[in-house]
C-alpha atoms as a PDB file:
ATOM      1  CA  MET A   1     -20.324 -16.598  23.911  1.00  0.00           C
ATOM      2  CA  THR A   2     -19.491 -15.660  27.512  1.00  0.00           C
ATOM      3  CA  LYS A   3     -16.552 -13.408  28.346  1.00  0.00           C
ATOM      4  CA  ALA A   4     -14.697 -16.331  29.909  1.00  0.00           C
ATOM      5  CA  THR A   5     -15.218 -18.480  26.822  1.00  0.00           C
ATOM      6  CA  HIS A   6     -14.181 -15.614  24.570  1.00  0.00           C
ATOM      7  CA  ALA A   7     -11.015 -15.008  26.625  1.00  0.00           C
ATOM      8  CA  ALA A   8     -10.137 -18.681  26.447  1.00  0.00           C
ATOM      9  CA  ARG A   9     -10.675 -18.677  22.687  1.00  0.00           C
ATOM     10  CA  VAL A  10      -8.462 -15.628  22.210  1.00  0.00           C
ATOM     11  CA  LYS A  11      -5.786 -17.216  24.400  1.00  0.00           C
ATOM     12  CA  ARG A  12      -5.780 -20.346  22.262  1.00  0.00           C
ATOM     13  CA  LEU A  13      -5.613 -18.266  19.094  1.00  0.00           C
ATOM     14  CA  ARG A  14      -2.716 -16.270  20.480  1.00  0.00           C
ATOM     15  CA  ASN A  15      -0.828 -19.487  21.173  1.00  0.00           C
ATOM     16  CA  VAL A  16       0.505 -18.202  24.466  1.00  0.00           C
ATOM     17  CA  GLU A  17       0.079 -21.398  26.411  1.00  0.00           C
ATOM     18  CA  ALA A  18       3.210 -22.629  28.122  1.00  0.00           C
ATOM     19  CA  GLY A  19       5.703 -23.920  25.624  1.00  0.00           C
ATOM     20  CA  ALA A  20       3.814 -22.694  22.547  1.00  0.00           C
ATOM     21  CA  PRO A  21       5.939 -20.827  19.995  1.00  0.00           C
ATOM     22  CA  ALA A  22       5.221 -17.112  19.664  1.00  0.00           C
ATOM     23  CA  ARG A  23       3.514 -16.049  16.464  1.00  0.00           C
ATOM     24  CA  PRO A  24       4.060 -12.761  14.608  1.00  0.00           C
ATOM     25  CA  ALA A  25       1.531 -10.097  15.595  1.00  0.00           C
ATOM     26  CA  PRO A  26      -0.084  -9.812  12.109  1.00  0.00           C
ATOM     27  CA  GLU A  27      -0.620 -13.576  12.012  1.00  0.00           C
ATOM     28  CA  VAL A  28      -2.247 -13.549  15.453  1.00  0.00           C
ATOM     29  CA  PHE A  29      -4.584 -10.743  14.443  1.00  0.00           C
ATOM     30  CA  GLY A  30      -5.391 -12.537  11.197  1.00  0.00           C
ATOM     31  CA  ARG A  31      -6.361 -15.746  12.999  1.00  0.00           C
ATOM     32  CA  ILE A  32      -8.664 -13.837  15.345  1.00  0.00           C
ATOM     33  CA  LEU A  33     -10.201 -11.924  12.431  1.00  0.00           C
ATOM     34  CA  ALA A  34     -10.873 -15.228  10.673  1.00  0.00           C
ATOM     35  CA  HIS A  35     -12.431 -16.573  13.896  1.00  0.00           C
ATOM     36  CA  TYR A  36     -14.905 -13.697  14.117  1.00  0.00           C
ATOM     37  CA  ARG A  37     -15.704 -13.967  10.409  1.00  0.00           C
ATOM     38  CA  GLU A  38     -16.430 -17.681  10.690  1.00  0.00           C
ATOM     39  CA  ARG A  39     -18.411 -17.139  13.869  1.00  0.00           C
ATOM     40  CA  ALA A  40     -20.570 -14.633  11.991  1.00  0.00           C
ATOM     41  CA  GLY A  41     -21.075 -17.152   9.179  1.00  0.00           C
ATOM     42  CA  LYS A  42     -19.529 -14.849   6.573  1.00  0.00           C
ATOM     43  CA  LYS A  43     -17.320 -15.678   3.611  1.00  0.00           C
ATOM     44  CA  GLN A  44     -14.212 -13.725   2.721  1.00  0.00           C
ATOM     45  CA  GLU A  45     -16.047 -12.289  -0.296  1.00  0.00           C
ATOM     46  CA  GLU A  46     -18.795 -10.908   1.948  1.00  0.00           C
ATOM     47  CA  LEU A  47     -16.326  -9.297   4.341  1.00  0.00           C
ATOM     48  CA  ALA A  48     -14.402  -7.861   1.377  1.00  0.00           C
ATOM     49  CA  ALA A  49     -17.593  -6.268   0.033  1.00  0.00           C
ATOM     50  CA  ALA A  50     -18.363  -4.758   3.457  1.00  0.00           C
ATOM     51  CA  LEU A  51     -14.864  -3.270   3.669  1.00  0.00           C
ATOM     52  CA  ASN A  52     -14.851  -2.211  -0.005  1.00  0.00           C
ATOM     53  CA  VAL A  53     -11.662  -4.151  -0.740  1.00  0.00           C
ATOM     54  CA  SER A  54     -10.832  -7.201  -2.838  1.00  0.00           C
ATOM     55  CA  ARG A  55     -11.116 -10.733  -1.480  1.00  0.00           C
ATOM     56  CA  SER A  56      -7.321 -11.046  -1.759  1.00  0.00           C
ATOM     57  CA  HIS A  57      -7.039  -8.217   0.801  1.00  0.00           C
ATOM     58  CA  ILE A  58      -9.058 -10.248   3.309  1.00  0.00           C
ATOM     59  CA  SER A  59      -7.029 -13.350   2.571  1.00  0.00           C
ATOM     60  CA  ARG A  60      -3.820 -11.439   3.246  1.00  0.00           C
ATOM     61  CA  PHE A  61      -5.243  -9.875   6.429  1.00  0.00           C
ATOM     62  CA  GLU A  62      -6.148 -13.317   7.753  1.00  0.00           C
ATOM     63  CA  SER A  63      -2.842 -14.927   6.767  1.00  0.00           C
ATOM     64  CA  GLY A  64      -0.873 -12.126   8.431  1.00  0.00           C
ATOM     65  CA  ASN A  65       0.714 -10.980   5.180  1.00  0.00           C
ATOM     66  CA  ARG A  66      -0.825  -7.521   5.372  1.00  0.00           C
ATOM     67  CA  VAL A  67      -1.537  -5.181   8.291  1.00  0.00           C
ATOM     68  CA  PRO A  68      -5.058  -3.719   8.010  1.00  0.00           C
ATOM     69  CA  ASP A  69      -5.738  -0.022   8.427  1.00  0.00           C
ATOM     70  CA  ARG A  70      -7.725   1.067  11.458  1.00  0.00           C
ATOM     71  CA  ARG A  71     -10.665   2.033   9.219  1.00  0.00           C
ATOM     72  CA  HIS A  72     -10.822  -1.494   7.815  1.00  0.00           C
ATOM     73  CA  VAL A  73     -10.700  -2.950  11.320  1.00  0.00           C
ATOM     74  CA  GLU A  74     -13.494  -0.675  12.524  1.00  0.00           C
ATOM     75  CA  ASP A  75     -15.663  -1.679   9.551  1.00  0.00           C
ATOM     76  CA  ALA A  76     -14.887  -5.365  10.077  1.00  0.00           C
ATOM     77  CA  ASP A  77     -15.642  -5.102  13.796  1.00  0.00           C
ATOM     78  CA  GLY A  78     -19.079  -3.655  13.088  1.00  0.00           C
ATOM     79  CA  PHE A  79     -19.889  -6.029  10.222  1.00  0.00           C
ATOM     80  CA  LEU A  80     -18.883  -9.102  12.230  1.00  0.00           C
ATOM     81  CA  ALA A  81     -20.496  -7.897  15.481  1.00  0.00           C
ATOM     82  CA  ALA A  82     -17.212  -8.219  17.383  1.00  0.00           C
ATOM     83  CA  ASP A  83     -18.305  -5.640  19.992  1.00  0.00           C
ATOM     84  CA  GLY A  84     -15.075  -3.635  19.722  1.00  0.00           C
ATOM     85  CA  ALA A  85     -12.770  -6.616  20.294  1.00  0.00           C
ATOM     86  CA  LEU A  86     -11.042  -6.332  16.915  1.00  0.00           C
ATOM     87  CA  VAL A  87     -10.482  -2.586  17.280  1.00  0.00           C
ATOM     88  CA  LYS A  88      -9.115  -3.039  20.804  1.00  0.00           C
ATOM     89  CA  LEU A  89      -6.781  -5.798  19.635  1.00  0.00           C
ATOM     90  CA  TRP A  90      -5.583  -3.661  16.710  1.00  0.00           C
ATOM     91  CA  GLU A  91      -4.835  -0.752  19.084  1.00  0.00           C
ATOM     92  CA  GLU A  92      -2.903  -2.908  21.555  1.00  0.00           C
ATOM     93  CA  THR A  93      -0.947  -4.957  19.036  1.00  0.00           C
ATOM     94  CA  ASP A  94       2.740  -4.159  18.646  1.00  0.00           C
ATOM     95  CA  TRP A  95       2.687  -4.774  14.927  1.00  0.00           C
ATOM     96  CA  TYR A  96       6.382  -4.306  14.262  1.00  0.00           C
ATOM     97  CA  ALA A  97       8.091  -5.139  17.516  1.00  0.00           C
ATOM     98  CA  GLU A  98      11.366  -6.290  15.955  1.00  0.00           C
ATOM     99  CA  VAL A  99      11.828  -4.211  12.829  1.00  0.00           C
ATOM    100  CA  GLU A 100      15.294  -2.997  11.929  1.00  0.00           C
ATOM    101  CA  HIS A 101      15.873   0.058   9.770  1.00  0.00           C
ATOM    102  CA  PRO A 102      19.046   0.545   7.726  1.00  0.00           C
ATOM    103  CA  ASP A 103      21.711   2.293   9.793  1.00  0.00           C
ATOM    104  CA  TRP A 104      21.610   5.419   7.638  1.00  0.00           C
ATOM    105  CA  PHE A 105      17.831   5.679   8.083  1.00  0.00           C
ATOM    106  CA  GLU A 106      17.514   4.866  11.781  1.00  0.00           C
ATOM    107  CA  ARG A 107      17.578   8.523  12.839  1.00  0.00           C
ATOM    108  CA  ARG A 108      14.763   9.469  10.426  1.00  0.00           C
ATOM    109  CA  ALA A 109      12.666   6.504  11.619  1.00  0.00           C
ATOM    110  CA  ARG A 110      13.012   7.696  15.238  1.00  0.00           C
ATOM    111  CA  MET A 111      11.928  11.194  14.213  1.00  0.00           C
ATOM    112  CA  ASP A 112       8.878   9.801  12.376  1.00  0.00           C
ATOM    113  CA  ALA A 113       7.885   8.069  15.607  1.00  0.00           C
ATOM    114  CA  GLU A 114       7.873  11.407  17.474  1.00  0.00           C
ATOM    115  CA  ALA A 115       6.978  14.094  14.920  1.00  0.00           C
ATOM    116  CA  VAL A 116       3.724  15.996  15.335  1.00  0.00           C
ATOM    117  CA  ALA A 117       3.671  17.031  11.665  1.00  0.00           C
ATOM    118  CA  ILE A 118       5.550  16.109   8.485  1.00  0.00           C
ATOM    119  CA  TYR A 119       5.505  18.008   5.191  1.00  0.00           C
ATOM    120  CA  ASP A 120       6.800  15.960   2.241  1.00  0.00           C
ATOM    121  CA  TYR A 121       7.723  16.613  -1.378  1.00  0.00           C
ATOM    122  CA  HIS A 122       8.543  13.744  -3.720  1.00  0.00           C
ATOM    123  CA  ALA A 123       8.971  13.163  -7.443  1.00  0.00           C
ATOM    124  CA  LEU A 124       9.094   9.934  -9.483  1.00  0.00           C
ATOM    125  CA  VAL A 125       8.454   7.641  -6.500  1.00  0.00           C
ATOM    126  CA  VAL A 126       5.663   7.823  -3.905  1.00  0.00           C
ATOM    127  CA  PRO A 127       7.119   8.652  -0.443  1.00  0.00           C
ATOM    128  CA  GLY A 128       7.530   5.795   2.024  1.00  0.00           C
ATOM    129  CA  LEU A 129       4.841   6.999   4.436  1.00  0.00           C
ATOM    130  CA  LEU A 130       2.245   6.641   1.654  1.00  0.00           C
ATOM    131  CA  GLN A 131       3.439   3.478  -0.068  1.00  0.00           C
ATOM    132  CA  SER A 132       1.382   0.289  -0.232  1.00  0.00           C
ATOM    133  CA  GLU A 133       3.143  -2.913   0.810  1.00  0.00           C
ATOM    134  CA  ASP A 134       3.287  -4.282  -2.742  1.00  0.00           C
ATOM    135  CA  TYR A 135       4.695  -0.966  -3.958  1.00  0.00           C
ATOM    136  CA  VAL A 136       7.385  -1.159  -1.253  1.00  0.00           C
ATOM    137  CA  ARG A 137       8.326  -4.643  -2.432  1.00  0.00           C
ATOM    138  CA  ALA A 138       8.425  -3.572  -6.060  1.00  0.00           C
ATOM    139  CA  VAL A 139      10.677  -0.580  -5.280  1.00  0.00           C
ATOM    140  CA  HIS A 140      13.166  -2.755  -3.392  1.00  0.00           C
ATOM    141  CA  VAL A 141      13.172  -5.395  -6.143  1.00  0.00           C
ATOM    142  CA  LEU A 142      13.607  -2.683  -8.775  1.00  0.00           C
ATOM    143  CA  HIS A 143      16.754  -1.431  -7.032  1.00  0.00           C
ATOM    144  CA  GLY A 144      18.125  -4.889  -6.320  1.00  0.00           C
ATOM    145  CA  ASP A 145      17.444  -4.751  -2.561  1.00  0.00           C
ATOM    146  CA  GLN A 146      16.012  -8.262  -2.325  1.00  0.00           C
ATOM    147  CA  GLY A 147      18.031  -9.429   0.653  1.00  0.00           C
ATOM    148  CA  GLU A 148      15.661  -9.912   3.613  1.00  0.00           C
ATOM    149  CA  LEU A 149      12.937  -8.308   1.522  1.00  0.00           C
ATOM    150  CA  GLU A 150      10.071  -8.887   3.966  1.00  0.00           C
ATOM    151  CA  LYS A 151      12.063  -7.337   6.827  1.00  0.00           C
ATOM    152  CA  ARG A 152      12.651  -4.265   4.706  1.00  0.00           C
ATOM    153  CA  VAL A 153       8.949  -4.081   3.877  1.00  0.00           C
ATOM    154  CA  ALA A 154       7.992  -4.433   7.547  1.00  0.00           C
ATOM    155  CA  ALA A 155      10.464  -1.707   8.524  1.00  0.00           C
ATOM    156  CA  ARG A 156       9.035   0.751   6.028  1.00  0.00           C
ATOM    157  CA  VAL A 157       5.381  -0.009   6.728  1.00  0.00           C
ATOM    158  CA  SER A 158       5.981   0.197  10.491  1.00  0.00           C
ATOM    159  CA  ARG A 159       6.596   3.948  10.112  1.00  0.00           C
ATOM    160  CA  GLN A 160       3.138   4.425   8.637  1.00  0.00           C
ATOM    161  CA  LEU A 161       1.003   3.181  11.524  1.00  0.00           C
ATOM    162  CA  ARG A 162       0.969   6.461  13.485  1.00  0.00           C
ATOM    163  CA  PHE A 163      -0.216   8.316  10.410  1.00  0.00           C
ATOM    164  CA  ARG A 164      -2.802   5.748   9.315  1.00  0.00           C
ATOM    165  CA  ASN A 165      -4.715   6.530  12.502  1.00  0.00           C
ATOM    166  CA  PRO A 166      -7.149   9.416  11.795  1.00  0.00           C
ATOM    167  CA  ASP A 167      -6.114  10.908  15.147  1.00  0.00           C
ATOM    168  CA  GLY A 168      -2.444  10.631  14.230  1.00  0.00           C
ATOM    169  CA  PRO A 169       0.101  13.324  13.338  1.00  0.00           C
ATOM    170  CA  THR A 170      -0.403  15.708  10.432  1.00  0.00           C
ATOM    171  CA  LEU A 171       1.035  14.579   7.101  1.00  0.00           C
ATOM    172  CA  VAL A 172       0.911  16.894   4.095  1.00  0.00           C
ATOM    173  CA  ALA A 173       2.403  15.462   0.915  1.00  0.00           C
ATOM    174  CA  VAL A 174       3.023  17.315  -2.336  1.00  0.00           C
ATOM    175  CA  LEU A 175       3.702  14.759  -5.061  1.00  0.00           C
ATOM    176  CA  ASP A 176       4.953  15.545  -8.498  1.00  0.00           C
ATOM    177  CA  GLU A 177       2.613  13.977 -11.070  1.00  0.00           C
ATOM    178  CA  SER A 178       5.510  11.723 -12.083  1.00  0.00           C
ATOM    179  CA  CYS A 179       4.810   9.723  -8.914  1.00  0.00           C
ATOM    180  CA  LEU A 180       1.536   8.617 -10.519  1.00  0.00           C
ATOM    181  CA  ARG A 181       3.015   7.983 -13.958  1.00  0.00           C
ATOM    182  CA  THR A 182       6.322   6.268 -13.169  1.00  0.00           C
ATOM    183  CA  ALA A 183       5.582   2.559 -13.571  1.00  0.00           C
ATOM    184  CA  VAL A 184       6.631   0.489 -10.564  1.00  0.00           C
ATOM    185  CA  GLY A 185       5.939  -3.245 -10.479  1.00  0.00           C
ATOM    186  CA  ASN A 186       2.898  -3.673 -12.737  1.00  0.00           C
ATOM    187  CA  ASP A 187      -0.524  -2.190 -13.464  1.00  0.00           C
ATOM    188  CA  GLU A 188      -2.154  -3.887 -10.479  1.00  0.00           C
ATOM    189  CA  ILE A 189       0.474  -2.556  -8.059  1.00  0.00           C
ATOM    190  CA  MET A 190       0.153   0.956  -9.477  1.00  0.00           C
ATOM    191  CA  ARG A 191      -3.637   0.770  -9.338  1.00  0.00           C
ATOM    192  CA  ASP A 192      -3.531  -0.326  -5.689  1.00  0.00           C
ATOM    193  CA  GLN A 193      -1.000   2.407  -4.893  1.00  0.00           C
ATOM    194  CA  CYS A 194      -3.332   5.043  -6.337  1.00  0.00           C
ATOM    195  CA  GLU A 195      -6.147   3.563  -4.266  1.00  0.00           C
ATOM    196  CA  ARG A 196      -3.943   3.793  -1.168  1.00  0.00           C
ATOM    197  CA  LEU A 197      -3.309   7.496  -1.877  1.00  0.00           C
ATOM    198  CA  LEU A 198      -7.053   8.087  -2.135  1.00  0.00           C
ATOM    199  CA  GLU A 199      -7.735   6.203   1.110  1.00  0.00           C
ATOM    200  CA  LEU A 200      -5.056   8.055   3.067  1.00  0.00           C
ATOM    201  CA  GLY A 201      -5.913  11.409   1.513  1.00  0.00           C
ATOM    202  CA  ALA A 202      -9.468  11.011   2.818  1.00  0.00           C
ATOM    203  CA  GLN A 203      -8.232  10.891   6.417  1.00  0.00           C
ATOM    204  CA  PRO A 204      -8.548  14.131   8.422  1.00  0.00           C
ATOM    205  CA  ASN A 205      -4.846  14.165   9.333  1.00  0.00           C
ATOM    206  CA  ILE A 206      -3.458  13.511   5.838  1.00  0.00           C
ATOM    207  CA  SER A 207      -3.541  15.758   2.786  1.00  0.00           C
ATOM    208  CA  VAL A 208      -2.239  14.745  -0.648  1.00  0.00           C
ATOM    209  CA  HIS A 209      -1.609  17.335  -3.372  1.00  0.00           C
ATOM    210  CA  ILE A 210      -0.367  16.773  -6.914  1.00  0.00           C
ATOM    211  CA  ALA A 211       1.943  19.174  -8.768  1.00  0.00           C
ATOM    212  CA  PRO A 212       0.756  18.750 -12.391  1.00  0.00           C
ATOM    213  CA  ALA A 213       3.383  17.809 -14.945  1.00  0.00           C
ATOM    214  CA  ARG A 214       2.080  20.254 -17.579  1.00  0.00           C
ATOM    215  CA  GLN A 215       1.831  23.262 -15.300  1.00  0.00           C
ATOM    216  CA  TYR A 216       4.529  25.852 -15.903  1.00  0.00           C
ATOM    217  CA  GLY A 217       6.044  28.023 -13.208  1.00  0.00           C
ATOM    218  CA  ILE A 218       6.333  25.432 -10.422  1.00  0.00           C
ATOM    219  CA  ALA A 219       9.738  25.520  -8.728  1.00  0.00           C
ATOM    220  CA  ARG A 220      10.232  21.771  -8.342  1.00  0.00           C
ATOM    221  CA  PRO A 221      13.186  20.753  -6.131  1.00  0.00           C
ATOM    222  CA  PHE A 222      15.683  18.379  -7.714  1.00  0.00           C
ATOM    223  CA  LEU A 223      15.624  16.124  -4.654  1.00  0.00           C
ATOM    224  CA  PRO A 224      12.861  14.939  -2.314  1.00  0.00           C
ATOM    225  CA  MET A 225      12.562  16.891   0.910  1.00  0.00           C
ATOM    226  CA  SER A 226      10.762  16.676   4.234  1.00  0.00           C
ATOM    227  CA  LEU A 227      10.060  19.224   6.941  1.00  0.00           C
ATOM    228  CA  LEU A 228       9.540  17.645  10.359  1.00  0.00           C
ATOM    229  CA  ALA A 229       7.906  19.456  13.290  1.00  0.00           C
ATOM    230  CA  MET A 230       8.874  17.871  16.617  1.00  0.00           C
ATOM    231  CA  PRO A 231       6.966  17.975  19.936  1.00  0.00           C
ATOM    232  CA  ASP A 232       9.421  20.480  21.427  1.00  0.00           C
ATOM    233  CA  GLY A 233       8.710  22.957  18.621  1.00  0.00           C
ATOM    234  CA  HIS A 234      11.978  22.176  16.869  1.00  0.00           C
ATOM    235  CA  ARG A 235      11.841  21.921  13.052  1.00  0.00           C
ATOM    236  CA  TRP A 236      14.141  19.875  10.867  1.00  0.00           C
ATOM    237  CA  VAL A 237      14.849  19.582   7.156  1.00  0.00           C
ATOM    238  CA  TYR A 238      15.504  16.094   5.836  1.00  0.00           C
ATOM    239  CA  SER A 239      16.584  15.041   2.372  1.00  0.00           C
ATOM    240  CA  GLU A 240      18.272  12.080   0.709  1.00  0.00           C
ATOM    241  CA  THR A 241      21.123  12.115  -1.768  1.00  0.00           C
ATOM    242  CA  LEU A 242      23.078   9.394  -3.545  1.00  0.00           C
ATOM    243  CA  LYS A 243      25.600   9.594  -0.706  1.00  0.00           C
ATOM    244  CA  GLY A 244      23.142   9.286   2.204  1.00  0.00           C
ATOM    245  CA  ALA A 245      20.773  11.281   4.370  1.00  0.00           C
ATOM    246  CA  TYR A 246      20.930  15.001   5.113  1.00  0.00           C
ATOM    247  CA  PHE A 247      19.562  16.603   8.324  1.00  0.00           C
ATOM    248  CA  SER A 248      19.582  20.243   9.325  1.00  0.00           C
ATOM    249  CA  ASP A 249      17.921  22.280  12.072  1.00  0.00           C
ATOM    250  CA  ASP A 250      19.721  25.472  11.117  1.00  0.00           C
ATOM    251  CA  PRO A 251      17.002  28.155  11.311  1.00  0.00           C
ATOM    252  CA  GLN A 252      18.073  29.748   8.023  1.00  0.00           C
ATOM    253  CA  VAL A 253      18.116  26.401   6.195  1.00  0.00           C
ATOM    254  CA  VAL A 254      14.743  25.456   7.651  1.00  0.00           C
ATOM    255  CA  ALA A 255      13.278  28.862   6.701  1.00  0.00           C
ATOM    256  CA  ARG A 256      14.608  28.607   3.126  1.00  0.00           C
ATOM    257  CA  HIS A 257      13.186  25.107   2.602  1.00  0.00           C
ATOM    258  CA  SER A 258       9.918  26.107   4.266  1.00  0.00           C
ATOM    259  CA  ARG A 259       9.496  28.911   1.717  1.00  0.00           C
ATOM    260  CA  THR A 260      10.199  26.445  -1.089  1.00  0.00           C
ATOM    261  CA  TYR A 261       7.629  24.038   0.300  1.00  0.00           C
ATOM    262  CA  ASP A 262       5.030  26.766   0.802  1.00  0.00           C
ATOM    263  CA  GLY A 263       5.450  27.728  -2.851  1.00  0.00           C
ATOM    264  CA  LEU A 264       5.036  24.122  -3.953  1.00  0.00           C
ATOM    265  CA  ARG A 265       1.931  23.735  -1.836  1.00  0.00           C
ATOM    266  CA  ALA A 266       0.430  26.938  -3.225  1.00  0.00           C
ATOM    267  CA  ASP A 267       1.090  25.944  -6.854  1.00  0.00           C
ATOM    268  CA  ALA A 268      -0.082  22.332  -6.457  1.00  0.00           C
ATOM    269  CA  MET A 269      -3.654  21.225  -7.052  1.00  0.00           C
ATOM    270  CA  SER A 270      -6.228  21.244  -4.267  1.00  0.00           C
ATOM    271  CA  ALA A 271      -6.827  18.036  -2.362  1.00  0.00           C
ATOM    272  CA  ARG A 272     -10.115  17.504  -4.224  1.00  0.00           C
ATOM    273  CA  ASP A 273      -8.635  18.107  -7.692  1.00  0.00           C
ATOM    274  CA  SER A 274      -5.621  15.968  -6.755  1.00  0.00           C
ATOM    275  CA  ALA A 275      -7.923  13.113  -5.771  1.00  0.00           C
ATOM    276  CA  ALA A 276      -9.652  13.394  -9.167  1.00  0.00           C
ATOM    277  CA  LEU A 277      -6.285  13.152 -10.956  1.00  0.00           C
ATOM    278  CA  ILE A 278      -5.225  10.184  -8.808  1.00  0.00           C
ATOM    279  CA  ARG A 279      -8.545   8.482  -9.580  1.00  0.00           C
ATOM    280  CA  GLU A 280      -8.009   9.127 -13.278  1.00  0.00           C
ATOM    281  CA  ALA A 281      -4.567   7.521 -13.085  1.00  0.00           C
ATOM    282  CA  MET A 282      -6.005   4.564 -11.149  1.00  0.00           C
ATOM    283  CA  GLU A 283      -8.701   4.021 -13.780  1.00  0.00           C
ATOM    284  CA  GLY A 284      -6.017   4.191 -16.459  1.00  0.00           C
ATOM    285  CA  TYR A 285      -4.098   1.356 -14.831  1.00  0.00           C
ATOM    286  CA  ASP A 286      -7.376  -0.558 -14.583  1.00  0.00           C
ATOM    287  CA  ARG A 287      -7.956  -0.127 -18.326  1.00  0.00           C
ATOM    288  CA  ASP A 288      -4.374  -1.051 -19.195  1.00  0.00           C
ATOM    289  CA  ASP A 289      -4.567  -4.189 -17.055  1.00  0.00           C
ATOM    290  CA  HIS A 290      -7.905  -5.123 -18.629  1.00  0.00           C
ATOM    291  CA  ALA A 291      -6.557  -4.479 -22.128  1.00  0.00           C
ATOM    292  CA  ARG A 292      -3.512  -6.647 -21.462  1.00  0.00           C
ATOM    293  CA  GLY A 293      -5.804  -9.372 -20.195  1.00  0.00           C
ATOM    294  CA  LYS A 294      -7.863  -9.190 -23.411  1.00  0.00           C
ATOM    295  CA  ASP A 295      -4.674  -9.218 -25.500  1.00  0.00           C
ATOM    296  CA  HIS A 296      -3.506 -12.286 -23.597  1.00  0.00           C
ATOM    297  CA  LEU A 297      -6.814 -14.084 -24.192  1.00  0.00           C
ATOM    298  CA  LEU A 298      -6.761 -13.071 -27.862  1.00  0.00           C
ATOM    299  CA  GLY A 299      -3.215 -14.361 -28.166  1.00  0.00           C
ATOM    300  CA  GLU A 300      -4.206 -17.661 -26.563  1.00  0.00           C
ATOM    301  CA  GLU A 301      -7.180 -17.979 -28.932  1.00  0.00           C
ATOM    302  CA  GLN A 302      -5.024 -17.234 -31.983  1.00  0.00           C
ATOM    303  CA  LEU A 303      -2.436 -19.779 -30.801  1.00  0.00           C
ATOM    304  CA  GLN A 304      -5.137 -22.413 -30.397  1.00  0.00           C
ATOM    305  CA  GLN A 305      -6.502 -21.616 -33.860  1.00  0.00           C
ATOM    306  CA  ARG A 306      -3.033 -22.025 -35.394  1.00  0.00           C
ATOM    307  CA  GLN A 307      -2.574 -25.310 -33.562  1.00  0.00           C
ATOM    308  CA  ARG A 308      -5.944 -26.565 -34.794  1.00  0.00           C
ATOM    309  CA  ARG A 309      -5.048 -25.588 -38.368  1.00  0.00           C
ATOM    310  CA  ARG A 310      -1.734 -27.447 -38.083  1.00  0.00           C
ATOM    311  CA  LEU A 311      -3.510 -30.498 -36.748  1.00  0.00           C
ATOM    312  CA  ARG A 312      -5.965 -30.397 -39.614  1.00  0.00           C
ATOM    313  CA  GLY A 313      -3.121 -29.960 -42.056  1.00  0.00           C
ATOM    314  CA  ASN A 314      -1.279 -32.965 -40.609  1.00  0.00           C
ATOM    315  CA  ARG A 315      -4.224 -35.350 -40.830  1.00  0.00           C
ATOM    316  CA  VAL A 316      -3.789 -38.457 -42.925  1.00  0.00           C
ATOM    317  CA  ARG A 317      -6.125 -38.038 -45.837  1.00  0.00           C
ATOM    318  CA  VAL A 318      -7.833 -41.272 -46.957  1.00  0.00           C
ATOM    319  CA  PRO A 319      -8.964 -41.110 -50.603  1.00  0.00           C
ATOM    320  CA  ARG A 320     -12.636 -41.663 -51.115  1.00  0.00           C
ATOM    321  CA  PRO A 321     -13.515 -44.557 -53.442  1.00  0.00           C
ATOM    322  CA  ARG A 322     -14.876 -43.475 -56.797  1.00  0.00           C
ATOM    323  CA  ARG A 323     -18.406 -44.379 -57.651  1.00  0.00           C
ATOM    324  CA  PRO A 324     -18.756 -46.676 -60.672  1.00  0.00           C
ATOM    325  CA  ARG A 325     -20.180 -44.993 -63.727  1.00  0.00           C
ATOM    326  CA  ALA A 326     -23.658 -45.999 -64.754  1.00  0.00           C
END
């Protein structure tokens, strides 16, 4: 395919001809990804195997329902022989051009877009910068925030893009083990969330540490907290309460929370041991999901057996004629 032909093809896929309606950025990328896959003569299952994801991931990438990570795009570009076109498109795409954050969170979202480093502590729920899209949806549904659900999901995931780039800002997250054990959504969502933690924790700019539930002596804060380092050297403390968001750049407050965080980080497991615990939790959700599937099949089989017995019991019995005696 010549460059001119390729450019024309991309233009058609982008639907930017005069009068054509604009398409959301993820949908545009998905259509172009599907084009390169079909051009390479590959099925979704084959691309999924090359990217080490499920086929449903590829389907959602191509439909625009999920934004792929840069690593996935790089792998897809190489597998489909796209000569860097997919990576370039991913870099230049404004994935969340029109997202709107809640008023109370707008300031934190702006700081995320500028911070050079963020140090997080969370319990019970995985922090937003590390959440999978399905986990985000499940959290909002759990708390009754279903109005404009997809916009809320897009707003939260939009904050992650800077950090999902291996060359992005530093993100160090200390998670209480309860984040892995608190059930959100279902087993599949929790399994995928654990997988997301493993994927992100493998990036050079992101470090994930677990504070074990059965380890004594850890001074666990009662509320989640974040320390944000800004480009001008300024440091902020951020936390959320039932009444809203709390910000402080008071040097004494920042120093006190920094000491708390340093203690948490020192007492938490290493990144390698944390990854092993996350993998253990992920495998547990896999087993639970599989067991539920077997229970469901067993239940279906037992129901069918009962129905067959009832049918046999309801048959009209025709008496057999007696044989005459000799």
